[in-house]
Amino acid sequence: MNAAFTVLVVLIIIAAILLIAVVLLQNGKDGGLATNFTSANQTLGVRQTATILEKATWYLVAFILVVSVVTVFVGRGNTRSGSNEAISTEILNQADQSAEEAPAFPISQENPEVAE
């Protein structure tokens, strides 16, 4: 594999793990893990923790989206052109060879109920 492809995949995995952590820190119906930080936010009169976590979520999602699209194009450079056609042709040739080697099963005329 290409080294750039591997680096991009590792970056996507790291961003996905960070995204999981950020989502778990956000307020849910029951408050979530961000409730531990609300005393500092209420003292200042703003909800800075929730705003920062929401922005981090959107940035991580955008990062994963962009890097995933780039990874597709980098990954295509690794494959040889026409390799899919070569594989398809080889599979068809093997199927033709196995069809020639398979024994023919004649229809038996002894039991006419089966033939009908």
C-alpha atoms as a PDB file:
ATOM      1  CA  MET A   1       0.000   0.000   0.000  1.00  0.00           C
ATOM      2  CA  ASN A   2       0.893   3.573  -0.439  1.00  0.00           C
ATOM      3  CA  ALA A   3       2.291   5.344   2.641  1.00  0.00           C
ATOM      4  CA  ALA A   4       0.036   8.376   2.076  1.00  0.00           C
ATOM      5  CA  PHE A   5      -3.022   6.120   2.025  1.00  0.00           C
ATOM      6  CA  THR A   6      -1.991   4.539   5.336  1.00  0.00           C
ATOM      7  CA  VAL A   7      -1.393   7.942   6.951  1.00  0.00           C
ATOM      8  CA  LEU A   8      -4.820   9.183   5.822  1.00  0.00           C
ATOM      9  CA  VAL A   9      -6.558   6.096   7.197  1.00  0.00           C
ATOM     10  CA  VAL A  10      -4.774   6.525  10.544  1.00  0.00           C
ATOM     11  CA  LEU A  11      -5.849  10.192  10.634  1.00  0.00           C
ATOM     12  CA  ILE A  12      -9.464   9.180  10.011  1.00  0.00           C
ATOM     13  CA  ILE A  13      -9.327   6.631  12.834  1.00  0.00           C
ATOM     14  CA  ILE A  14      -7.842   9.189  15.257  1.00  0.00           C
ATOM     15  CA  ALA A  15     -10.456  11.778  14.273  1.00  0.00           C
ATOM     16  CA  ALA A  16     -13.242   9.212  14.743  1.00  0.00           C
ATOM     17  CA  ILE A  17     -12.005   8.393  18.257  1.00  0.00           C
ATOM     18  CA  LEU A  18     -11.833  12.110  19.093  1.00  0.00           C
ATOM     19  CA  LEU A  19     -15.341  12.571  17.682  1.00  0.00           C
ATOM     20  CA  ILE A  20     -16.654   9.820  19.952  1.00  0.00           C
ATOM     21  CA  ALA A  21     -15.057  11.523  22.965  1.00  0.00           C
ATOM     22  CA  VAL A  22     -16.448  14.949  22.030  1.00  0.00           C
ATOM     23  CA  VAL A  23     -19.957  13.594  21.510  1.00  0.00           C
ATOM     24  CA  LEU A  24     -19.848  11.839  24.874  1.00  0.00           C
ATOM     25  CA  LEU A  25     -18.828  15.094  26.571  1.00  0.00           C
ATOM     26  CA  GLN A  26     -21.817  17.013  25.202  1.00  0.00           C
ATOM     27  CA  ASN A  27     -25.020  17.664  27.108  1.00  0.00           C
ATOM     28  CA  GLY A  28     -27.741  15.176  26.510  1.00  0.00           C
ATOM     29  CA  LYS A  29     -31.253  15.010  27.942  1.00  0.00           C
ATOM     30  CA  ASP A  30     -29.830  14.117  31.351  1.00  0.00           C
ATOM     31  CA  GLY A  31     -26.952  16.574  31.261  1.00  0.00           C
ATOM     32  CA  GLY A  32     -24.144  14.350  29.972  1.00  0.00           C
ATOM     33  CA  LEU A  33     -20.544  14.623  31.063  1.00  0.00           C
ATOM     34  CA  ALA A  34     -20.433  18.366  30.363  1.00  0.00           C
ATOM     35  CA  THR A  35     -22.512  19.023  33.489  1.00  0.00           C
ATOM     36  CA  ASN A  36     -19.305  18.851  35.531  1.00  0.00           C
ATOM     37  CA  PHE A  37     -18.138  22.032  33.809  1.00  0.00           C
ATOM     38  CA  THR A  38     -21.377  24.012  34.094  1.00  0.00           C
ATOM     39  CA  SER A  39     -20.438  25.805  37.323  1.00  0.00           C
ATOM     40  CA  ALA A  40     -17.622  27.662  35.552  1.00  0.00           C
ATOM     41  CA  ASN A  41     -19.898  28.432  32.615  1.00  0.00           C
ATOM     42  CA  GLN A  42     -22.687  29.755  34.812  1.00  0.00           C
ATOM     43  CA  THR A  43     -20.280  31.945  36.735  1.00  0.00           C
ATOM     44  CA  LEU A  44     -19.260  33.700  33.534  1.00  0.00           C
ATOM     45  CA  GLY A  45     -22.847  33.755  32.302  1.00  0.00           C
ATOM     46  CA  VAL A  46     -22.234  31.938  29.000  1.00  0.00           C
ATOM     47  CA  ARG A  47     -22.308  28.366  27.798  1.00  0.00           C
ATOM     48  CA  GLN A  48     -18.751  28.190  26.511  1.00  0.00           C
ATOM     49  CA  THR A  49     -18.222  24.462  27.048  1.00  0.00           C
ATOM     50  CA  ALA A  50     -21.231  23.470  24.980  1.00  0.00           C
ATOM     51  CA  THR A  51     -20.276  25.901  22.221  1.00  0.00           C
ATOM     52  CA  ILE A  52     -16.699  24.627  22.064  1.00  0.00           C
ATOM     53  CA  LEU A  53     -17.825  20.998  22.030  1.00  0.00           C
ATOM     54  CA  GLU A  54     -20.368  21.685  19.290  1.00  0.00           C
ATOM     55  CA  LYS A  55     -17.758  23.431  17.140  1.00  0.00           C
ATOM     56  CA  ALA A  56     -15.299  20.600  17.742  1.00  0.00           C
ATOM     57  CA  THR A  57     -17.949  18.103  16.622  1.00  0.00           C
ATOM     58  CA  TRP A  58     -18.579  19.936  13.357  1.00  0.00           C
ATOM     59  CA  TYR A  59     -14.857  20.410  12.662  1.00  0.00           C
ATOM     60  CA  LEU A  60     -14.126  16.730  13.264  1.00  0.00           C
ATOM     61  CA  VAL A  61     -17.029  15.634  11.050  1.00  0.00           C
ATOM     62  CA  ALA A  62     -15.860  17.965   8.269  1.00  0.00           C
ATOM     63  CA  PHE A  63     -12.286  16.704   8.665  1.00  0.00           C
ATOM     64  CA  ILE A  64     -13.378  13.063   8.420  1.00  0.00           C
ATOM     65  CA  LEU A  65     -15.495  13.829   5.344  1.00  0.00           C
ATOM     66  CA  VAL A  66     -12.740  15.671   3.479  1.00  0.00           C
ATOM     67  CA  VAL A  67      -9.995  13.183   4.370  1.00  0.00           C
ATOM     68  CA  SER A  68     -12.246  10.265   3.389  1.00  0.00           C
ATOM     69  CA  VAL A  69     -12.796  11.742  -0.067  1.00  0.00           C
ATOM     70  CA  VAL A  70      -9.065  12.405  -0.456  1.00  0.00           C
ATOM     71  CA  THR A  71      -8.331   8.839   0.657  1.00  0.00           C
ATOM     72  CA  VAL A  72     -10.526   7.459  -2.118  1.00  0.00           C
ATOM     73  CA  PHE A  73      -8.531   9.310  -4.741  1.00  0.00           C
ATOM     74  CA  VAL A  74      -5.183   8.398  -3.177  1.00  0.00           C
ATOM     75  CA  GLY A  75      -6.292   4.754  -2.920  1.00  0.00           C
ATOM     76  CA  ARG A  76      -7.225   4.651  -6.602  1.00  0.00           C
ATOM     77  CA  GLY A  77      -3.655   5.474  -7.508  1.00  0.00           C
ATOM     78  CA  ASN A  78      -2.556   2.215  -5.885  1.00  0.00           C
ATOM     79  CA  THR A  79      -4.513  -0.033  -8.243  1.00  0.00           C
ATOM     80  CA  ARG A  80      -3.366  -0.889 -11.720  1.00  0.00           C
ATOM     81  CA  SER A  81      -5.636   0.312 -14.496  1.00  0.00           C
ATOM     82  CA  GLY A  82      -7.571  -2.530 -16.033  1.00  0.00           C
ATOM     83  CA  SER A  83      -6.973  -4.901 -13.144  1.00  0.00           C
ATOM     84  CA  ASN A  84     -10.712  -5.376 -12.622  1.00  0.00           C
ATOM     85  CA  GLU A  85     -11.195  -6.374 -16.255  1.00  0.00           C
ATOM     86  CA  ALA A  86      -8.287  -8.822 -16.011  1.00  0.00           C
ATOM     87  CA  ILE A  87      -9.772 -10.441 -12.921  1.00  0.00           C
ATOM     88  CA  SER A  88     -13.218 -10.656 -14.547  1.00  0.00           C
ATOM     89  CA  THR A  89     -11.755 -12.241 -17.672  1.00  0.00           C
ATOM     90  CA  GLU A  90      -9.829 -14.771 -15.577  1.00  0.00           C
ATOM     91  CA  ILE A  91     -12.966 -15.723 -13.624  1.00  0.00           C
ATOM     92  CA  LEU A  92     -14.930 -16.187 -16.841  1.00  0.00           C
ATOM     93  CA  ASN A  93     -12.171 -18.354 -18.313  1.00  0.00           C
ATOM     94  CA  GLN A  94     -12.119 -20.538 -15.197  1.00  0.00           C
ATOM     95  CA  ALA A  95     -15.908 -20.882 -15.353  1.00  0.00           C
ATOM     96  CA  ASP A  96     -15.701 -21.994 -19.006  1.00  0.00           C
ATOM     97  CA  GLN A  97     -13.031 -24.571 -18.152  1.00  0.00           C
ATOM     98  CA  SER A  98     -15.019 -25.988 -15.252  1.00  0.00           C
ATOM     99  CA  ALA A  99     -18.155 -26.172 -17.444  1.00  0.00           C
ATOM    100  CA  GLU A 100     -16.232 -28.223 -20.030  1.00  0.00           C
ATOM    101  CA  GLU A 101     -14.945 -30.610 -17.351  1.00  0.00           C
ATOM    102  CA  ALA A 102     -18.331 -31.106 -15.683  1.00  0.00           C
ATOM    103  CA  PRO A 103     -20.104 -34.370 -16.584  1.00  0.00           C
ATOM    104  CA  ALA A 104     -23.319 -34.082 -18.548  1.00  0.00           C
ATOM    105  CA  PHE A 105     -26.405 -35.473 -16.823  1.00  0.00           C
ATOM    106  CA  PRO A 106     -28.796 -36.971 -19.379  1.00  0.00           C
ATOM    107  CA  ILE A 107     -32.514 -36.782 -18.694  1.00  0.00           C
ATOM    108  CA  SER A 108     -33.803 -40.196 -17.847  1.00  0.00           C
ATOM    109  CA  GLN A 109     -36.728 -41.440 -19.947  1.00  0.00           C
ATOM    110  CA  GLU A 110     -37.462 -44.277 -17.530  1.00  0.00           C
ATOM    111  CA  ASN A 111     -39.586 -42.091 -15.236  1.00  0.00           C
ATOM    112  CA  PRO A 112     -41.845 -39.868 -17.409  1.00  0.00           C
ATOM    113  CA  GLU A 113     -43.328 -38.085 -14.377  1.00  0.00           C
ATOM    114  CA  VAL A 114     -39.978 -36.457 -13.613  1.00  0.00           C
ATOM    115  CA  ALA A 115     -39.566 -35.169 -17.173  1.00  0.00           C
ATOM    116  CA  GLU A 116     -42.969 -33.476 -17.195  1.00  0.00           C
END
